[in-house]
C-alpha atoms as a PDB file:
ATOM      1  CA  UNK A   1     -16.422 -19.590  21.942  1.00  0.00           C
ATOM      2  CA  UNK A   2     -14.166 -18.303  24.672  1.00  0.00           C
ATOM      3  CA  UNK A   3     -15.790 -15.232  26.233  1.00  0.00           C
ATOM      4  CA  UNK A   4     -12.786 -14.472  28.424  1.00  0.00           C
ATOM      5  CA  UNK A   5      -9.745 -16.049  30.030  1.00  0.00           C
ATOM      6  CA  UNK A   6      -9.414 -15.051  33.676  1.00  0.00           C
ATOM      7  CA  UNK A   7      -6.229 -15.348  35.700  1.00  0.00           C
ATOM      8  CA  UNK A   8      -7.363 -15.994  39.248  1.00  0.00           C
ATOM      9  CA  UNK A   9      -5.145 -17.736  41.772  1.00  0.00           C
ATOM     10  CA  UNK A  10      -8.267 -18.977  43.573  1.00  0.00           C
ATOM     11  CA  UNK A  11      -9.845 -20.359  40.364  1.00  0.00           C
ATOM     12  CA  UNK A  12     -13.548 -20.664  41.307  1.00  0.00           C
ATOM     13  CA  UNK A  13     -14.910 -18.646  44.230  1.00  0.00           C
ATOM     14  CA  UNK A  14     -17.914 -16.424  44.892  1.00  0.00           C
ATOM     15  CA  UNK A  15     -16.971 -13.580  42.532  1.00  0.00           C
ATOM     16  CA  UNK A  16     -16.362 -16.012  39.702  1.00  0.00           C
ATOM     17  CA  UNK A  17     -19.374 -18.237  40.365  1.00  0.00           C
ATOM     18  CA  UNK A  18     -21.929 -15.528  41.048  1.00  0.00           C
ATOM     19  CA  UNK A  19     -20.807 -12.310  39.394  1.00  0.00           C
ATOM     20  CA  UNK A  20     -18.571 -13.122  36.451  1.00  0.00           C
ATOM     21  CA  UNK A  21     -20.423 -16.155  35.145  1.00  0.00           C
ATOM     22  CA  UNK A  22     -23.649 -14.129  35.078  1.00  0.00           C
ATOM     23  CA  UNK A  23     -22.006 -11.007  33.598  1.00  0.00           C
ATOM     24  CA  UNK A  24     -20.380 -13.054  30.810  1.00  0.00           C
ATOM     25  CA  UNK A  25     -23.533 -15.118  30.281  1.00  0.00           C
ATOM     26  CA  UNK A  26     -21.292 -18.188  30.355  1.00  0.00           C
ATOM     27  CA  UNK A  27     -22.862 -21.589  29.994  1.00  0.00           C
ATOM     28  CA  UNK A  28     -19.550 -23.357  30.496  1.00  0.00           C
ATOM     29  CA  UNK A  29     -16.483 -22.942  32.694  1.00  0.00           C
ATOM     30  CA  UNK A  30     -13.181 -24.580  31.826  1.00  0.00           C
ATOM     31  CA  UNK A  31     -10.603 -24.690  34.591  1.00  0.00           C
ATOM     32  CA  UNK A  32      -7.293 -25.070  32.741  1.00  0.00           C
ATOM     33  CA  UNK A  33      -4.926 -26.083  35.505  1.00  0.00           C
ATOM     34  CA  UNK A  34      -2.505 -29.012  35.601  1.00  0.00           C
ATOM     35  CA  UNK A  35      -2.587 -29.360  39.402  1.00  0.00           C
ATOM     36  CA  UNK A  36      -6.392 -29.269  39.667  1.00  0.00           C
ATOM     37  CA  UNK A  37      -6.731 -31.779  36.826  1.00  0.00           C
ATOM     38  CA  UNK A  38      -4.551 -34.207  38.781  1.00  0.00           C
ATOM     39  CA  UNK A  39      -6.165 -33.670  42.202  1.00  0.00           C
ATOM     40  CA  UNK A  40      -9.576 -35.298  42.840  1.00  0.00           C
ATOM     41  CA  UNK A  41     -10.049 -33.402  46.113  1.00  0.00           C
ATOM     42  CA  UNK A  42      -9.493 -30.031  44.437  1.00  0.00           C
ATOM     43  CA  UNK A  43     -11.811 -31.063  41.591  1.00  0.00           C
ATOM     44  CA  UNK A  44     -14.555 -31.873  44.102  1.00  0.00           C
ATOM     45  CA  UNK A  45     -14.074 -28.492  45.805  1.00  0.00           C
ATOM     46  CA  UNK A  46     -14.211 -26.628  42.475  1.00  0.00           C
ATOM     47  CA  UNK A  47     -17.370 -28.508  41.490  1.00  0.00           C
ATOM     48  CA  UNK A  48     -19.032 -27.474  44.758  1.00  0.00           C
ATOM     49  CA  UNK A  49     -18.096 -23.822  44.134  1.00  0.00           C
ATOM     50  CA  UNK A  50     -19.330 -23.753  40.533  1.00  0.00           C
ATOM     51  CA  UNK A  51     -22.819 -22.520  39.670  1.00  0.00           C
ATOM     52  CA  UNK A  52     -25.274 -25.426  39.348  1.00  0.00           C
ATOM     53  CA  UNK A  53     -26.527 -24.248  35.941  1.00  0.00           C
ATOM     54  CA  UNK A  54     -23.103 -23.959  34.278  1.00  0.00           C
ATOM     55  CA  UNK A  55     -21.191 -26.919  32.855  1.00  0.00           C
ATOM     56  CA  UNK A  56     -17.804 -27.226  34.562  1.00  0.00           C
ATOM     57  CA  UNK A  57     -14.808 -28.981  33.027  1.00  0.00           C
ATOM     58  CA  UNK A  58     -11.441 -29.318  34.778  1.00  0.00           C
ATOM     59  CA  UNK A  59      -8.528 -30.222  32.518  1.00  0.00           C
ATOM     60  CA  UNK A  60      -4.791 -29.744  32.260  1.00  0.00           C
ATOM     61  CA  UNK A  61      -3.795 -26.731  30.182  1.00  0.00           C
ATOM     62  CA  UNK A  62      -2.904 -28.984  27.256  1.00  0.00           C
ATOM     63  CA  UNK A  63      -6.141 -30.994  27.447  1.00  0.00           C
ATOM     64  CA  UNK A  64      -8.112 -27.744  27.762  1.00  0.00           C
ATOM     65  CA  UNK A  65      -6.748 -26.657  24.399  1.00  0.00           C
ATOM     66  CA  UNK A  66      -8.088 -29.836  22.790  1.00  0.00           C
ATOM     67  CA  UNK A  67     -11.484 -29.200  24.358  1.00  0.00           C
ATOM     68  CA  UNK A  68     -11.547 -25.513  23.382  1.00  0.00           C
ATOM     69  CA  UNK A  69     -10.556 -26.344  19.792  1.00  0.00           C
ATOM     70  CA  UNK A  70     -13.439 -28.805  19.470  1.00  0.00           C
ATOM     71  CA  UNK A  71     -16.067 -27.427  17.030  1.00  0.00           C
ATOM     72  CA  UNK A  72     -18.772 -28.052  19.669  1.00  0.00           C
ATOM     73  CA  UNK A  73     -17.094 -25.414  21.860  1.00  0.00           C
ATOM     74  CA  UNK A  74     -17.932 -22.727  19.290  1.00  0.00           C
ATOM     75  CA  UNK A  75     -21.617 -23.097  20.178  1.00  0.00           C
ATOM     76  CA  UNK A  76     -21.016 -22.378  23.880  1.00  0.00           C
ATOM     77  CA  UNK A  77     -20.033 -19.265  25.831  1.00  0.00           C
ATOM     78  CA  UNK A  78     -16.974 -20.558  27.685  1.00  0.00           C
ATOM     79  CA  UNK A  79     -15.335 -18.799  30.615  1.00  0.00           C
ATOM     80  CA  UNK A  80     -11.774 -20.101  31.013  1.00  0.00           C
ATOM     81  CA  UNK A  81      -9.974 -19.936  34.362  1.00  0.00           C
ATOM     82  CA  UNK A  82      -6.237 -20.306  34.941  1.00  0.00           C
ATOM     83  CA  UNK A  83      -4.342 -19.538  38.130  1.00  0.00           C
ATOM     84  CA  UNK A  84      -1.230 -17.834  36.749  1.00  0.00           C
ATOM     85  CA  UNK A  85      -0.102 -15.480  34.019  1.00  0.00           C
ATOM     86  CA  UNK A  86       2.260 -18.241  32.888  1.00  0.00           C
ATOM     87  CA  UNK A  87      -0.669 -20.596  32.290  1.00  0.00           C
ATOM     88  CA  UNK A  88      -2.645 -17.864  30.505  1.00  0.00           C
ATOM     89  CA  UNK A  89       0.272 -17.322  28.139  1.00  0.00           C
ATOM     90  CA  UNK A  90       0.725 -21.056  27.628  1.00  0.00           C
ATOM     91  CA  UNK A  91      -2.978 -21.458  26.866  1.00  0.00           C
ATOM     92  CA  UNK A  92      -3.017 -18.535  24.403  1.00  0.00           C
ATOM     93  CA  UNK A  93       0.098 -19.838  22.646  1.00  0.00           C
ATOM     94  CA  UNK A  94      -1.266 -23.388  22.380  1.00  0.00           C
ATOM     95  CA  UNK A  95      -4.600 -22.064  21.098  1.00  0.00           C
ATOM     96  CA  UNK A  96      -2.770 -19.765  18.688  1.00  0.00           C
ATOM     97  CA  UNK A  97      -5.252 -17.302  20.131  1.00  0.00           C
ATOM     98  CA  UNK A  98      -5.937 -13.914  18.612  1.00  0.00           C
ATOM     99  CA  UNK A  99      -8.617 -11.438  19.623  1.00  0.00           C
ATOM    100  CA  UNK A 100      -9.134 -12.985  23.053  1.00  0.00           C
ATOM    101  CA  UNK A 101      -9.676 -11.084  26.289  1.00  0.00           C
ATOM    102  CA  UNK A 102      -7.375 -12.056  29.140  1.00  0.00           C
ATOM    103  CA  UNK A 103      -8.439 -10.614  32.492  1.00  0.00           C
ATOM    104  CA  UNK A 104      -5.720 -10.755  35.130  1.00  0.00           C
ATOM    105  CA  UNK A 105      -7.742 -10.431  38.310  1.00  0.00           C
ATOM    106  CA  UNK A 106      -5.954 -12.192  41.179  1.00  0.00           C
ATOM    107  CA  UNK A 107      -2.378 -13.348  40.766  1.00  0.00           C
ATOM    108  CA  UNK A 108       0.881 -13.816  42.585  1.00  0.00           C
ATOM    109  CA  UNK A 109      -0.376 -13.932  46.149  1.00  0.00           C
ATOM    110  CA  UNK A 110      -0.317 -17.670  46.833  1.00  0.00           C
ATOM    111  CA  UNK A 111       2.448 -19.021  44.594  1.00  0.00           C
ATOM    112  CA  UNK A 112       5.015 -19.416  47.363  1.00  0.00           C
ATOM    113  CA  UNK A 113       7.329 -16.706  46.039  1.00  0.00           C
ATOM    114  CA  UNK A 114       8.461 -13.798  48.228  1.00  0.00           C
ATOM    115  CA  UNK A 115       5.774 -11.116  47.932  1.00  0.00           C
ATOM    116  CA  UNK A 116       8.215  -8.352  48.897  1.00  0.00           C
ATOM    117  CA  UNK A 117      10.144  -8.981  45.658  1.00  0.00           C
ATOM    118  CA  UNK A 118       7.092  -8.580  43.416  1.00  0.00           C
ATOM    119  CA  UNK A 119       5.748  -5.562  41.587  1.00  0.00           C
ATOM    120  CA  UNK A 120       2.278  -4.633  42.851  1.00  0.00           C
ATOM    121  CA  UNK A 121       0.144  -3.754  39.827  1.00  0.00           C
ATOM    122  CA  UNK A 122      -3.084  -3.737  41.859  1.00  0.00           C
ATOM    123  CA  UNK A 123      -3.913  -4.872  45.375  1.00  0.00           C
ATOM    124  CA  UNK A 124      -4.775  -8.310  43.955  1.00  0.00           C
ATOM    125  CA  UNK A 125      -2.122  -8.642  41.232  1.00  0.00           C
ATOM    126  CA  UNK A 126       1.511  -9.083  42.270  1.00  0.00           C
ATOM    127  CA  UNK A 127       4.034  -9.867  39.544  1.00  0.00           C
ATOM    128  CA  UNK A 128       7.397 -11.597  39.960  1.00  0.00           C
ATOM    129  CA  UNK A 129      10.218 -11.096  37.466  1.00  0.00           C
ATOM    130  CA  UNK A 130       9.332 -14.321  35.634  1.00  0.00           C
ATOM    131  CA  UNK A 131       5.632 -13.458  35.526  1.00  0.00           C
ATOM    132  CA  UNK A 132       6.547  -9.971  34.243  1.00  0.00           C
ATOM    133  CA  UNK A 133       8.173 -11.633  31.224  1.00  0.00           C
ATOM    134  CA  UNK A 134       5.010 -13.690  30.676  1.00  0.00           C
ATOM    135  CA  UNK A 135       2.801 -10.614  31.093  1.00  0.00           C
ATOM    136  CA  UNK A 136       4.803  -8.655  28.511  1.00  0.00           C
ATOM    137  CA  UNK A 137       4.480 -11.561  26.067  1.00  0.00           C
ATOM    138  CA  UNK A 138       0.711 -11.611  26.625  1.00  0.00           C
ATOM    139  CA  UNK A 139       0.537  -7.851  26.058  1.00  0.00           C
ATOM    140  CA  UNK A 140       2.523  -8.257  22.831  1.00  0.00           C
ATOM    141  CA  UNK A 141       0.104 -10.900  21.540  1.00  0.00           C
ATOM    142  CA  UNK A 142      -2.906  -9.902  19.463  1.00  0.00           C
ATOM    143  CA  UNK A 143      -5.170 -10.096  22.494  1.00  0.00           C
ATOM    144  CA  UNK A 144      -6.715  -7.670  24.954  1.00  0.00           C
ATOM    145  CA  UNK A 145      -4.997  -7.921  28.343  1.00  0.00           C
ATOM    146  CA  UNK A 146      -6.864  -6.177  31.148  1.00  0.00           C
ATOM    147  CA  UNK A 147      -7.009  -6.064  34.923  1.00  0.00           C
ATOM    148  CA  UNK A 148     -10.496  -6.086  36.418  1.00  0.00           C
ATOM    149  CA  UNK A 149     -11.388  -7.880  39.640  1.00  0.00           C
ATOM    150  CA  UNK A 150     -15.157  -7.252  39.669  1.00  0.00           C
ATOM    151  CA  UNK A 151     -17.495  -6.665  36.723  1.00  0.00           C
ATOM    152  CA  UNK A 152     -18.491  -3.192  37.947  1.00  0.00           C
ATOM    153  CA  UNK A 153     -14.891  -2.000  38.341  1.00  0.00           C
ATOM    154  CA  UNK A 154     -13.144   0.113  35.760  1.00  0.00           C
ATOM    155  CA  UNK A 155     -11.249  -1.884  33.145  1.00  0.00           C
ATOM    156  CA  UNK A 156      -7.523  -1.149  33.223  1.00  0.00           C
ATOM    157  CA  UNK A 157      -5.246  -2.119  30.353  1.00  0.00           C
ATOM    158  CA  UNK A 158      -2.229  -4.099  31.496  1.00  0.00           C
ATOM    159  CA  UNK A 159       0.007  -2.119  29.129  1.00  0.00           C
ATOM    160  CA  UNK A 160      -1.058   1.164  30.756  1.00  0.00           C
ATOM    161  CA  UNK A 161      -0.328  -0.176  34.239  1.00  0.00           C
ATOM    162  CA  UNK A 162       3.145  -1.285  33.147  1.00  0.00           C
ATOM    163  CA  UNK A 163       3.819   2.131  31.617  1.00  0.00           C
ATOM    164  CA  UNK A 164       2.771   3.758  34.902  1.00  0.00           C
ATOM    165  CA  UNK A 165       5.345   1.563  36.668  1.00  0.00           C
ATOM    166  CA  UNK A 166       7.973   2.202  33.952  1.00  0.00           C
ATOM    167  CA  UNK A 167       8.162  -1.500  33.127  1.00  0.00           C
END
């Protein structure tokens, strides 16, 4: 069972490994990222950053869907990590996901696009025009789309933040 999908441009780091995995009581992490799945060095780095007591799987977005649709996955509490809103949308669409929680925590800072041309939703979430389209599609899906960097922070609905920015 997917406990949450987190958009985090850093994938696994201290907040994810120590705080979120514990808060979600996850016994598995799936990194759904095409680049990481194809890069042995990045895979090694992610494995070193992952908690020792949590099973880590690194797959392409498409291969992650196959894994997440496996009946064995229903018995686990799986924390899914993607590094962009685009990949979160792609994953949700391929899963035909409904009733999921998508937490957009850190996005748009390291994608190579001009930061000055992005809408700042929070200090850690910057959205380009193309990612805005993807975000609106996620919001329109039958899923909960929130922005929350740390477990003890207030949960903010993505739709409310867009309304506040008249988007």
